[in-house]
């Protein structure tokens, strides 16, 4: 049992780290809030006070804002659908005793360690190039017209690229959860005549519910700020501009720091709404 002295000592030792973490988070947030109520355009030499809610109103009333919200949610939802479904299937496959199992697992997990910019460039130039890409040659081999992926189906293309990056993470978490499943329970169900599909839906899937919610929570937090993959492929064009990319355009391309900061606050609000919803969902599953 911890004594009052040991608890005080623990708090004292943790205080510097907690203080640095708070400063690390609060200083950028406070500066963003301050700039969001200013008319701050560096290239024009404008730095005037008290715009109030003007930046927020201009940012939220633009059609680009509504389109960016929809694009962000569609992109995150599509990536989660692919990574969770594919992660479950890959985890089930990797759990089977196969030759070279360790090497196969390393190869499956490897894409997660590739930088997002590098992965997007590889997909853009090696796979999705409409002239020299591998997919273009595959289409021609079957007598079909090659697709210009990043102009004809840009949103779907980015979803595929980001899903390829995040699929190993989901696979790793779900594989760990599957390996913790009691083998005797599976053997008993098999002896009772349960089919593989029935065993999956009534035993494996309920067992994976906690792992799935954790995967969804962690991935969503990071996916709401997708930027690099969009920047090096479509540049925010063709309907692929997310809320994060819209903030970038307002700050860097338009050189309106105040307007971009207001968009950043909207992005923080959206992330917190999604996080609260997911935390409640995770909490329900963890209490079971």
C-alpha atoms as a PDB file:
ATOM      1  CA  UNK A   1       0.000   0.000   0.000  1.00  0.00           C
ATOM      2  CA  UNK A   2       1.340   3.414  -0.955  1.00  0.00           C
ATOM      3  CA  UNK A   3       1.977   5.773   1.936  1.00  0.00           C
ATOM      4  CA  UNK A   4       1.336   9.500   1.923  1.00  0.00           C
ATOM      5  CA  UNK A   5       5.098  10.094   1.727  1.00  0.00           C
ATOM      6  CA  UNK A   6       5.531   7.800  -1.303  1.00  0.00           C
ATOM      7  CA  UNK A   7       2.585   9.394  -3.104  1.00  0.00           C
ATOM      8  CA  UNK A   8       4.027  12.860  -2.476  1.00  0.00           C
ATOM      9  CA  UNK A   9       7.415  11.726  -3.753  1.00  0.00           C
ATOM     10  CA  UNK A  10       5.822  10.260  -6.883  1.00  0.00           C
ATOM     11  CA  UNK A  11       3.938  13.493  -7.571  1.00  0.00           C
ATOM     12  CA  UNK A  12       7.133  15.517  -7.094  1.00  0.00           C
ATOM     13  CA  UNK A  13       9.065  13.362  -9.554  1.00  0.00           C
ATOM     14  CA  UNK A  14       6.259  13.461 -12.114  1.00  0.00           C
ATOM     15  CA  UNK A  15       5.709  17.216 -11.817  1.00  0.00           C
ATOM     16  CA  UNK A  16       8.499  18.327 -14.248  1.00  0.00           C
ATOM     17  CA  UNK A  17       7.293  15.961 -16.984  1.00  0.00           C
ATOM     18  CA  UNK A  18       3.652  17.000 -16.493  1.00  0.00           C
ATOM     19  CA  UNK A  19       4.635  20.686 -16.536  1.00  0.00           C
ATOM     20  CA  UNK A  20       6.624  20.308 -19.775  1.00  0.00           C
ATOM     21  CA  UNK A  21       3.754  18.372 -21.361  1.00  0.00           C
ATOM     22  CA  UNK A  22       1.248  21.071 -20.403  1.00  0.00           C
ATOM     23  CA  UNK A  23       3.516  23.815 -21.767  1.00  0.00           C
ATOM     24  CA  UNK A  24       4.058  21.792 -24.948  1.00  0.00           C
ATOM     25  CA  UNK A  25       0.297  21.565 -25.490  1.00  0.00           C
ATOM     26  CA  UNK A  26      -1.007  24.820 -24.060  1.00  0.00           C
ATOM     27  CA  UNK A  27       1.425  27.326 -25.617  1.00  0.00           C
ATOM     28  CA  UNK A  28       0.567  26.421 -29.260  1.00  0.00           C
ATOM     29  CA  UNK A  29      -3.140  26.264 -28.391  1.00  0.00           C
ATOM     30  CA  UNK A  30      -3.083  29.685 -26.710  1.00  0.00           C
ATOM     31  CA  UNK A  31      -1.168  31.218 -29.633  1.00  0.00           C
ATOM     32  CA  UNK A  32      -3.642  29.684 -32.090  1.00  0.00           C
ATOM     33  CA  UNK A  33      -6.553  31.150 -30.121  1.00  0.00           C
ATOM     34  CA  UNK A  34      -4.858  34.546 -30.050  1.00  0.00           C
ATOM     35  CA  UNK A  35      -4.098  34.582 -33.790  1.00  0.00           C
ATOM     36  CA  UNK A  36      -7.640  33.405 -34.576  1.00  0.00           C
ATOM     37  CA  UNK A  37      -9.076  36.717 -33.347  1.00  0.00           C
ATOM     38  CA  UNK A  38      -6.445  38.809 -35.145  1.00  0.00           C
ATOM     39  CA  UNK A  39      -6.148  40.087 -38.705  1.00  0.00           C
ATOM     40  CA  UNK A  40      -2.672  38.654 -39.228  1.00  0.00           C
ATOM     41  CA  UNK A  41      -1.337  38.590 -42.807  1.00  0.00           C
ATOM     42  CA  UNK A  42       2.485  38.630 -42.680  1.00  0.00           C
ATOM     43  CA  UNK A  43       3.212  39.291 -46.376  1.00  0.00           C
ATOM     44  CA  UNK A  44       0.987  42.390 -46.312  1.00  0.00           C
ATOM     45  CA  UNK A  45       2.440  43.545 -43.008  1.00  0.00           C
ATOM     46  CA  UNK A  46      -1.008  43.410 -41.406  1.00  0.00           C
ATOM     47  CA  UNK A  47      -1.244  42.636 -37.707  1.00  0.00           C
ATOM     48  CA  UNK A  48      -4.385  44.228 -36.319  1.00  0.00           C
ATOM     49  CA  UNK A  49      -6.291  43.319 -33.207  1.00  0.00           C
ATOM     50  CA  UNK A  50      -9.814  42.398 -32.380  1.00  0.00           C
ATOM     51  CA  UNK A  51     -11.283  40.641 -35.383  1.00  0.00           C
ATOM     52  CA  UNK A  52     -13.431  38.854 -32.813  1.00  0.00           C
ATOM     53  CA  UNK A  53     -15.387  36.004 -34.333  1.00  0.00           C
ATOM     54  CA  UNK A  54     -14.957  37.375 -37.844  1.00  0.00           C
ATOM     55  CA  UNK A  55     -12.325  34.814 -38.828  1.00  0.00           C
ATOM     56  CA  UNK A  56     -14.475  31.972 -37.476  1.00  0.00           C
ATOM     57  CA  UNK A  57     -17.543  33.188 -39.362  1.00  0.00           C
ATOM     58  CA  UNK A  58     -15.649  33.603 -42.647  1.00  0.00           C
ATOM     59  CA  UNK A  59     -14.007  30.202 -42.344  1.00  0.00           C
ATOM     60  CA  UNK A  60     -17.203  28.337 -41.398  1.00  0.00           C
ATOM     61  CA  UNK A  61     -19.431  30.110 -43.923  1.00  0.00           C
ATOM     62  CA  UNK A  62     -17.312  29.163 -46.933  1.00  0.00           C
ATOM     63  CA  UNK A  63     -18.400  26.216 -49.057  1.00  0.00           C
ATOM     64  CA  UNK A  64     -14.843  24.860 -48.803  1.00  0.00           C
ATOM     65  CA  UNK A  65     -15.288  24.313 -45.072  1.00  0.00           C
ATOM     66  CA  UNK A  66     -18.371  22.139 -45.462  1.00  0.00           C
ATOM     67  CA  UNK A  67     -16.781  20.166 -48.299  1.00  0.00           C
ATOM     68  CA  UNK A  68     -13.615  19.667 -46.232  1.00  0.00           C
ATOM     69  CA  UNK A  69     -15.608  18.305 -43.275  1.00  0.00           C
ATOM     70  CA  UNK A  70     -17.435  15.811 -45.515  1.00  0.00           C
ATOM     71  CA  UNK A  71     -14.209  14.779 -47.263  1.00  0.00           C
ATOM     72  CA  UNK A  72     -12.455  14.275 -43.925  1.00  0.00           C
ATOM     73  CA  UNK A  73     -15.220  12.076 -42.534  1.00  0.00           C
ATOM     74  CA  UNK A  74     -15.505  10.027 -45.744  1.00  0.00           C
ATOM     75  CA  UNK A  75     -11.755   9.518 -45.860  1.00  0.00           C
ATOM     76  CA  UNK A  76     -11.472   8.492 -42.213  1.00  0.00           C
ATOM     77  CA  UNK A  77     -14.493   6.177 -42.473  1.00  0.00           C
ATOM     78  CA  UNK A  78     -13.203   4.507 -45.644  1.00  0.00           C
ATOM     79  CA  UNK A  79      -9.732   3.959 -44.212  1.00  0.00           C
ATOM     80  CA  UNK A  80     -11.122   2.517 -40.977  1.00  0.00           C
ATOM     81  CA  UNK A  81     -13.383   0.147 -42.909  1.00  0.00           C
ATOM     82  CA  UNK A  82     -10.493  -1.173 -45.006  1.00  0.00           C
ATOM     83  CA  UNK A  83      -7.924  -1.406 -42.211  1.00  0.00           C
ATOM     84  CA  UNK A  84     -10.220  -3.055 -39.654  1.00  0.00           C
ATOM     85  CA  UNK A  85     -11.691  -5.560 -42.135  1.00  0.00           C
ATOM     86  CA  UNK A  86      -8.337  -6.270 -43.758  1.00  0.00           C
ATOM     87  CA  UNK A  87      -6.613  -6.379 -40.375  1.00  0.00           C
ATOM     88  CA  UNK A  88      -8.988  -9.061 -39.107  1.00  0.00           C
ATOM     89  CA  UNK A  89      -8.501 -11.178 -42.242  1.00  0.00           C
ATOM     90  CA  UNK A  90      -4.718 -10.805 -42.187  1.00  0.00           C
ATOM     91  CA  UNK A  91      -4.570 -11.525 -38.454  1.00  0.00           C
ATOM     92  CA  UNK A  92      -6.563 -14.727 -38.946  1.00  0.00           C
ATOM     93  CA  UNK A  93      -4.229 -15.731 -41.784  1.00  0.00           C
ATOM     94  CA  UNK A  94      -1.031 -14.955 -39.880  1.00  0.00           C
ATOM     95  CA  UNK A  95      -2.301 -16.907 -36.883  1.00  0.00           C
ATOM     96  CA  UNK A  96      -2.259 -20.103 -38.945  1.00  0.00           C
ATOM     97  CA  UNK A  97       0.880 -22.305 -38.840  1.00  0.00           C
ATOM     98  CA  UNK A  98       2.560 -21.612 -42.196  1.00  0.00           C
ATOM     99  CA  UNK A  99       6.118 -21.980 -43.470  1.00  0.00           C
ATOM    100  CA  UNK A 100       8.205 -18.862 -42.842  1.00  0.00           C
ATOM    101  CA  UNK A 101       5.610 -17.425 -40.490  1.00  0.00           C
ATOM    102  CA  UNK A 102       8.049 -15.026 -38.825  1.00  0.00           C
ATOM    103  CA  UNK A 103       9.287 -13.595 -42.132  1.00  0.00           C
ATOM    104  CA  UNK A 104       5.735 -13.218 -43.433  1.00  0.00           C
ATOM    105  CA  UNK A 105       4.713 -11.308 -40.309  1.00  0.00           C
ATOM    106  CA  UNK A 106       7.664  -8.937 -40.657  1.00  0.00           C
ATOM    107  CA  UNK A 107       6.838  -8.289 -44.324  1.00  0.00           C
ATOM    108  CA  UNK A 108       3.188  -7.590 -43.475  1.00  0.00           C
ATOM    109  CA  UNK A 109       4.102  -5.139 -40.706  1.00  0.00           C
ATOM    110  CA  UNK A 110       6.902  -3.410 -42.698  1.00  0.00           C
ATOM    111  CA  UNK A 111       4.713  -0.797 -44.509  1.00  0.00           C
ATOM    112  CA  UNK A 112       3.896   0.861 -41.179  1.00  0.00           C
ATOM    113  CA  UNK A 113       7.540   1.949 -40.857  1.00  0.00           C
ATOM    114  CA  UNK A 114       7.579   3.679 -44.267  1.00  0.00           C
ATOM    115  CA  UNK A 115       7.312   7.457 -44.088  1.00  0.00           C
ATOM    116  CA  UNK A 116       3.887   8.676 -45.328  1.00  0.00           C
ATOM    117  CA  UNK A 117       5.495  10.973 -47.911  1.00  0.00           C
ATOM    118  CA  UNK A 118       7.635   8.154 -49.303  1.00  0.00           C
ATOM    119  CA  UNK A 119       4.699   5.741 -49.381  1.00  0.00           C
ATOM    120  CA  UNK A 120       2.519   8.267 -51.217  1.00  0.00           C
ATOM    121  CA  UNK A 121       5.246   8.968 -53.782  1.00  0.00           C
ATOM    122  CA  UNK A 122       5.783   5.242 -54.386  1.00  0.00           C
ATOM    123  CA  UNK A 123       2.074   4.677 -54.953  1.00  0.00           C
ATOM    124  CA  UNK A 124       1.798   7.784 -57.146  1.00  0.00           C
ATOM    125  CA  UNK A 125       4.739   7.011 -59.432  1.00  0.00           C
ATOM    126  CA  UNK A 126       5.141   3.243 -59.288  1.00  0.00           C
ATOM    127  CA  UNK A 127       1.559   1.975 -59.034  1.00  0.00           C
ATOM    128  CA  UNK A 128      -0.938   4.683 -60.012  1.00  0.00           C
ATOM    129  CA  UNK A 129       0.884   6.405 -62.849  1.00  0.00           C
ATOM    130  CA  UNK A 130      -1.509   6.159 -65.845  1.00  0.00           C
ATOM    131  CA  UNK A 131       1.366   5.599 -68.306  1.00  0.00           C
ATOM    132  CA  UNK A 132       4.174   3.704 -66.584  1.00  0.00           C
ATOM    133  CA  UNK A 133       2.487   2.489 -63.397  1.00  0.00           C
ATOM    134  CA  UNK A 134       2.179  -1.196 -62.587  1.00  0.00           C
ATOM    135  CA  UNK A 135      -1.602  -0.923 -62.417  1.00  0.00           C
ATOM    136  CA  UNK A 136      -1.657   0.668 -65.890  1.00  0.00           C
ATOM    137  CA  UNK A 137       0.355  -2.255 -67.312  1.00  0.00           C
ATOM    138  CA  UNK A 138      -1.961  -4.692 -65.525  1.00  0.00           C
ATOM    139  CA  UNK A 139      -5.015  -2.999 -67.043  1.00  0.00           C
ATOM    140  CA  UNK A 140      -3.438  -3.122 -70.511  1.00  0.00           C
ATOM    141  CA  UNK A 141      -2.593  -6.809 -70.045  1.00  0.00           C
ATOM    142  CA  UNK A 142      -6.288  -7.561 -69.599  1.00  0.00           C
ATOM    143  CA  UNK A 143      -7.238  -5.310 -72.517  1.00  0.00           C
ATOM    144  CA  UNK A 144      -8.704  -2.503 -70.414  1.00  0.00           C
ATOM    145  CA  UNK A 145      -8.043   1.235 -70.591  1.00  0.00           C
ATOM    146  CA  UNK A 146      -5.608   2.382 -67.867  1.00  0.00           C
ATOM    147  CA  UNK A 147      -7.088   4.592 -65.163  1.00  0.00           C
ATOM    148  CA  UNK A 148      -5.668   7.935 -64.112  1.00  0.00           C
ATOM    149  CA  UNK A 149      -6.232   7.141 -60.455  1.00  0.00           C
ATOM    150  CA  UNK A 150      -5.386  10.482 -58.903  1.00  0.00           C
ATOM    151  CA  UNK A 151      -7.653  12.442 -61.262  1.00  0.00           C
ATOM    152  CA  UNK A 152     -10.502  10.011 -61.957  1.00  0.00           C
ATOM    153  CA  UNK A 153     -10.885   8.452 -58.494  1.00  0.00           C
ATOM    154  CA  UNK A 154      -8.676  10.695 -56.307  1.00  0.00           C
ATOM    155  CA  UNK A 155     -10.452  10.235 -52.977  1.00  0.00           C
ATOM    156  CA  UNK A 156     -10.523   6.464 -53.347  1.00  0.00           C
ATOM    157  CA  UNK A 157      -6.836   6.497 -54.337  1.00  0.00           C
ATOM    158  CA  UNK A 158      -5.782   8.374 -51.194  1.00  0.00           C
ATOM    159  CA  UNK A 159      -7.919   6.054 -49.062  1.00  0.00           C
ATOM    160  CA  UNK A 160      -6.054   3.080 -50.570  1.00  0.00           C
ATOM    161  CA  UNK A 161      -2.647   4.692 -49.982  1.00  0.00           C
ATOM    162  CA  UNK A 162      -3.329   5.592 -46.346  1.00  0.00           C
ATOM    163  CA  UNK A 163      -4.988   2.213 -45.713  1.00  0.00           C
ATOM    164  CA  UNK A 164      -1.831   0.485 -46.965  1.00  0.00           C
ATOM    165  CA  UNK A 165       0.182   2.459 -44.410  1.00  0.00           C
ATOM    166  CA  UNK A 166      -2.146   1.787 -41.458  1.00  0.00           C
ATOM    167  CA  UNK A 167      -3.160  -1.806 -42.246  1.00  0.00           C
ATOM    168  CA  UNK A 168      -0.057  -3.297 -40.531  1.00  0.00           C
ATOM    169  CA  UNK A 169      -0.878  -1.452 -37.303  1.00  0.00           C
ATOM    170  CA  UNK A 170      -4.404  -2.872 -37.206  1.00  0.00           C
ATOM    171  CA  UNK A 171      -3.102  -6.329 -38.133  1.00  0.00           C
ATOM    172  CA  UNK A 172      -0.537  -6.300 -35.323  1.00  0.00           C
ATOM    173  CA  UNK A 173      -3.050  -5.291 -32.638  1.00  0.00           C
ATOM    174  CA  UNK A 174      -5.695  -7.757 -33.841  1.00  0.00           C
ATOM    175  CA  UNK A 175      -3.173 -10.598 -34.229  1.00  0.00           C
ATOM    176  CA  UNK A 176      -2.112 -10.097 -30.616  1.00  0.00           C
ATOM    177  CA  UNK A 177      -5.752 -10.244 -29.542  1.00  0.00           C
ATOM    178  CA  UNK A 178      -6.386 -13.436 -31.540  1.00  0.00           C
ATOM    179  CA  UNK A 179      -3.358 -15.128 -30.003  1.00  0.00           C
ATOM    180  CA  UNK A 180      -4.785 -14.423 -26.546  1.00  0.00           C
ATOM    181  CA  UNK A 181      -7.948 -16.370 -27.402  1.00  0.00           C
ATOM    182  CA  UNK A 182      -8.399 -19.573 -25.406  1.00  0.00           C
ATOM    183  CA  UNK A 183      -7.691 -22.456 -27.788  1.00  0.00           C
ATOM    184  CA  UNK A 184      -9.750 -24.847 -25.655  1.00  0.00           C
ATOM    185  CA  UNK A 185     -12.852 -22.760 -26.323  1.00  0.00           C
ATOM    186  CA  UNK A 186     -12.284 -23.018 -30.067  1.00  0.00           C
ATOM    187  CA  UNK A 187     -11.635 -26.758 -29.844  1.00  0.00           C
ATOM    188  CA  UNK A 188     -14.809 -27.288 -27.828  1.00  0.00           C
ATOM    189  CA  UNK A 189     -16.868 -25.379 -30.381  1.00  0.00           C
ATOM    190  CA  UNK A 190     -15.320 -27.414 -33.203  1.00  0.00           C
ATOM    191  CA  UNK A 191     -16.113 -30.681 -31.405  1.00  0.00           C
ATOM    192  CA  UNK A 192     -19.713 -29.505 -30.984  1.00  0.00           C
ATOM    193  CA  UNK A 193     -19.966 -29.181 -34.753  1.00  0.00           C
ATOM    194  CA  UNK A 194     -19.710 -25.393 -35.096  1.00  0.00           C
ATOM    195  CA  UNK A 195     -18.636 -24.335 -38.590  1.00  0.00           C
ATOM    196  CA  UNK A 196     -15.606 -22.040 -39.111  1.00  0.00           C
ATOM    197  CA  UNK A 197     -17.951 -19.136 -39.929  1.00  0.00           C
ATOM    198  CA  UNK A 198     -19.992 -19.743 -36.772  1.00  0.00           C
ATOM    199  CA  UNK A 199     -16.827 -19.927 -34.668  1.00  0.00           C
ATOM    200  CA  UNK A 200     -15.670 -16.634 -36.145  1.00  0.00           C
ATOM    201  CA  UNK A 201     -18.901 -14.721 -35.525  1.00  0.00           C
ATOM    202  CA  UNK A 202     -19.738 -16.182 -32.097  1.00  0.00           C
ATOM    203  CA  UNK A 203     -16.268 -16.609 -30.569  1.00  0.00           C
ATOM    204  CA  UNK A 204     -13.487 -14.796 -32.429  1.00  0.00           C
ATOM    205  CA  UNK A 205     -15.290 -11.555 -33.314  1.00  0.00           C
ATOM    206  CA  UNK A 206     -16.691 -10.910 -29.796  1.00  0.00           C
ATOM    207  CA  UNK A 207     -13.212 -11.587 -28.429  1.00  0.00           C
ATOM    208  CA  UNK A 208     -11.775  -8.985 -30.817  1.00  0.00           C
ATOM    209  CA  UNK A 209     -14.285  -6.258 -29.901  1.00  0.00           C
ATOM    210  CA  UNK A 210     -11.952  -4.508 -27.450  1.00  0.00           C
ATOM    211  CA  UNK A 211      -8.997  -4.644 -29.833  1.00  0.00           C
ATOM    212  CA  UNK A 212     -11.133  -3.328 -32.685  1.00  0.00           C
ATOM    213  CA  UNK A 213     -12.342  -0.339 -30.657  1.00  0.00           C
ATOM    214  CA  UNK A 214      -8.768   0.478 -29.609  1.00  0.00           C
ATOM    215  CA  UNK A 215      -7.614   0.299 -33.249  1.00  0.00           C
ATOM    216  CA  UNK A 216     -10.465   2.582 -34.322  1.00  0.00           C
ATOM    217  CA  UNK A 217      -9.733   5.079 -31.544  1.00  0.00           C
ATOM    218  CA  UNK A 218      -5.991   5.330 -32.150  1.00  0.00           C
ATOM    219  CA  UNK A 219      -6.252   5.421 -35.936  1.00  0.00           C
ATOM    220  CA  UNK A 220      -9.001   8.038 -35.941  1.00  0.00           C
ATOM    221  CA  UNK A 221      -6.913  10.407 -33.832  1.00  0.00           C
ATOM    222  CA  UNK A 222      -4.109  10.279 -36.398  1.00  0.00           C
ATOM    223  CA  UNK A 223      -6.291  10.041 -39.520  1.00  0.00           C
ATOM    224  CA  UNK A 224      -8.098  13.291 -38.748  1.00  0.00           C
ATOM    225  CA  UNK A 225      -4.819  15.088 -39.496  1.00  0.00           C
ATOM    226  CA  UNK A 226      -3.954  13.414 -42.825  1.00  0.00           C
ATOM    227  CA  UNK A 227      -1.775  15.803 -44.798  1.00  0.00           C
ATOM    228  CA  UNK A 228       1.407  14.384 -46.376  1.00  0.00           C
ATOM    229  CA  UNK A 229      -0.358  11.837 -48.575  1.00  0.00           C
ATOM    230  CA  UNK A 230      -2.646  14.542 -49.997  1.00  0.00           C
ATOM    231  CA  UNK A 231       0.151  17.078 -50.407  1.00  0.00           C
ATOM    232  CA  UNK A 232       2.370  14.849 -52.596  1.00  0.00           C
ATOM    233  CA  UNK A 233      -0.419  13.274 -54.673  1.00  0.00           C
ATOM    234  CA  UNK A 234      -3.314  15.599 -55.477  1.00  0.00           C
ATOM    235  CA  UNK A 235      -2.292  18.811 -53.723  1.00  0.00           C
ATOM    236  CA  UNK A 236      -5.782  19.099 -52.283  1.00  0.00           C
ATOM    237  CA  UNK A 237      -7.424  19.124 -55.704  1.00  0.00           C
ATOM    238  CA  UNK A 238     -10.089  16.904 -57.238  1.00  0.00           C
ATOM    239  CA  UNK A 239     -12.214  16.870 -54.077  1.00  0.00           C
ATOM    240  CA  UNK A 240      -9.498  15.593 -51.719  1.00  0.00           C
ATOM    241  CA  UNK A 241      -9.131  18.693 -49.550  1.00  0.00           C
ATOM    242  CA  UNK A 242      -9.583  17.738 -45.902  1.00  0.00           C
ATOM    243  CA  UNK A 243     -10.019  20.151 -43.009  1.00  0.00           C
ATOM    244  CA  UNK A 244      -6.310  19.940 -42.168  1.00  0.00           C
ATOM    245  CA  UNK A 245      -5.338  20.707 -45.748  1.00  0.00           C
ATOM    246  CA  UNK A 246      -7.795  23.600 -45.900  1.00  0.00           C
ATOM    247  CA  UNK A 247      -6.134  25.132 -42.822  1.00  0.00           C
ATOM    248  CA  UNK A 248      -2.749  24.736 -44.537  1.00  0.00           C
ATOM    249  CA  UNK A 249      -4.013  26.517 -47.641  1.00  0.00           C
ATOM    250  CA  UNK A 250      -5.407  29.398 -45.617  1.00  0.00           C
ATOM    251  CA  UNK A 251      -2.171  29.863 -43.650  1.00  0.00           C
ATOM    252  CA  UNK A 252       0.542  29.116 -46.217  1.00  0.00           C
ATOM    253  CA  UNK A 253      -0.981  29.713 -49.626  1.00  0.00           C
ATOM    254  CA  UNK A 254      -3.325  32.584 -48.702  1.00  0.00           C
ATOM    255  CA  UNK A 255      -0.955  33.931 -46.034  1.00  0.00           C
ATOM    256  CA  UNK A 256      -3.887  34.599 -43.707  1.00  0.00           C
ATOM    257  CA  UNK A 257      -2.694  33.341 -40.340  1.00  0.00           C
ATOM    258  CA  UNK A 258      -5.789  34.579 -38.515  1.00  0.00           C
ATOM    259  CA  UNK A 259      -8.200  32.746 -40.813  1.00  0.00           C
ATOM    260  CA  UNK A 260      -6.071  29.611 -40.742  1.00  0.00           C
ATOM    261  CA  UNK A 261      -5.867  29.703 -36.950  1.00  0.00           C
ATOM    262  CA  UNK A 262      -9.660  29.855 -36.755  1.00  0.00           C
ATOM    263  CA  UNK A 263      -9.728  26.764 -38.975  1.00  0.00           C
ATOM    264  CA  UNK A 264      -7.249  25.098 -36.645  1.00  0.00           C
ATOM    265  CA  UNK A 265      -9.601  25.661 -33.730  1.00  0.00           C
ATOM    266  CA  UNK A 266     -12.413  24.085 -35.754  1.00  0.00           C
ATOM    267  CA  UNK A 267     -10.127  21.102 -36.407  1.00  0.00           C
ATOM    268  CA  UNK A 268      -9.434  20.762 -32.673  1.00  0.00           C
ATOM    269  CA  UNK A 269     -13.166  20.891 -31.920  1.00  0.00           C
ATOM    270  CA  UNK A 270     -13.909  18.222 -34.542  1.00  0.00           C
ATOM    271  CA  UNK A 271     -11.134  15.986 -33.199  1.00  0.00           C
ATOM    272  CA  UNK A 272     -12.450  16.328 -29.643  1.00  0.00           C
ATOM    273  CA  UNK A 273     -16.036  15.533 -30.681  1.00  0.00           C
ATOM    274  CA  UNK A 274     -14.883  12.384 -32.468  1.00  0.00           C
ATOM    275  CA  UNK A 275     -12.555  11.455 -29.585  1.00  0.00           C
ATOM    276  CA  UNK A 276     -15.322  11.812 -26.974  1.00  0.00           C
ATOM    277  CA  UNK A 277     -17.662   9.665 -29.063  1.00  0.00           C
ATOM    278  CA  UNK A 278     -15.000   6.994 -29.540  1.00  0.00           C
ATOM    279  CA  UNK A 279     -13.921   7.082 -25.898  1.00  0.00           C
ATOM    280  CA  UNK A 280     -17.477   6.349 -24.835  1.00  0.00           C
ATOM    281  CA  UNK A 281     -17.618   3.480 -27.292  1.00  0.00           C
ATOM    282  CA  UNK A 282     -14.276   2.135 -26.063  1.00  0.00           C
ATOM    283  CA  UNK A 283     -15.377   2.509 -22.446  1.00  0.00           C
ATOM    284  CA  UNK A 284     -18.503   0.425 -23.050  1.00  0.00           C
ATOM    285  CA  UNK A 285     -16.465  -2.367 -24.609  1.00  0.00           C
ATOM    286  CA  UNK A 286     -13.790  -2.291 -21.920  1.00  0.00           C
ATOM    287  CA  UNK A 287     -16.406  -2.584 -19.189  1.00  0.00           C
ATOM    288  CA  UNK A 288     -17.801  -5.786 -20.661  1.00  0.00           C
END
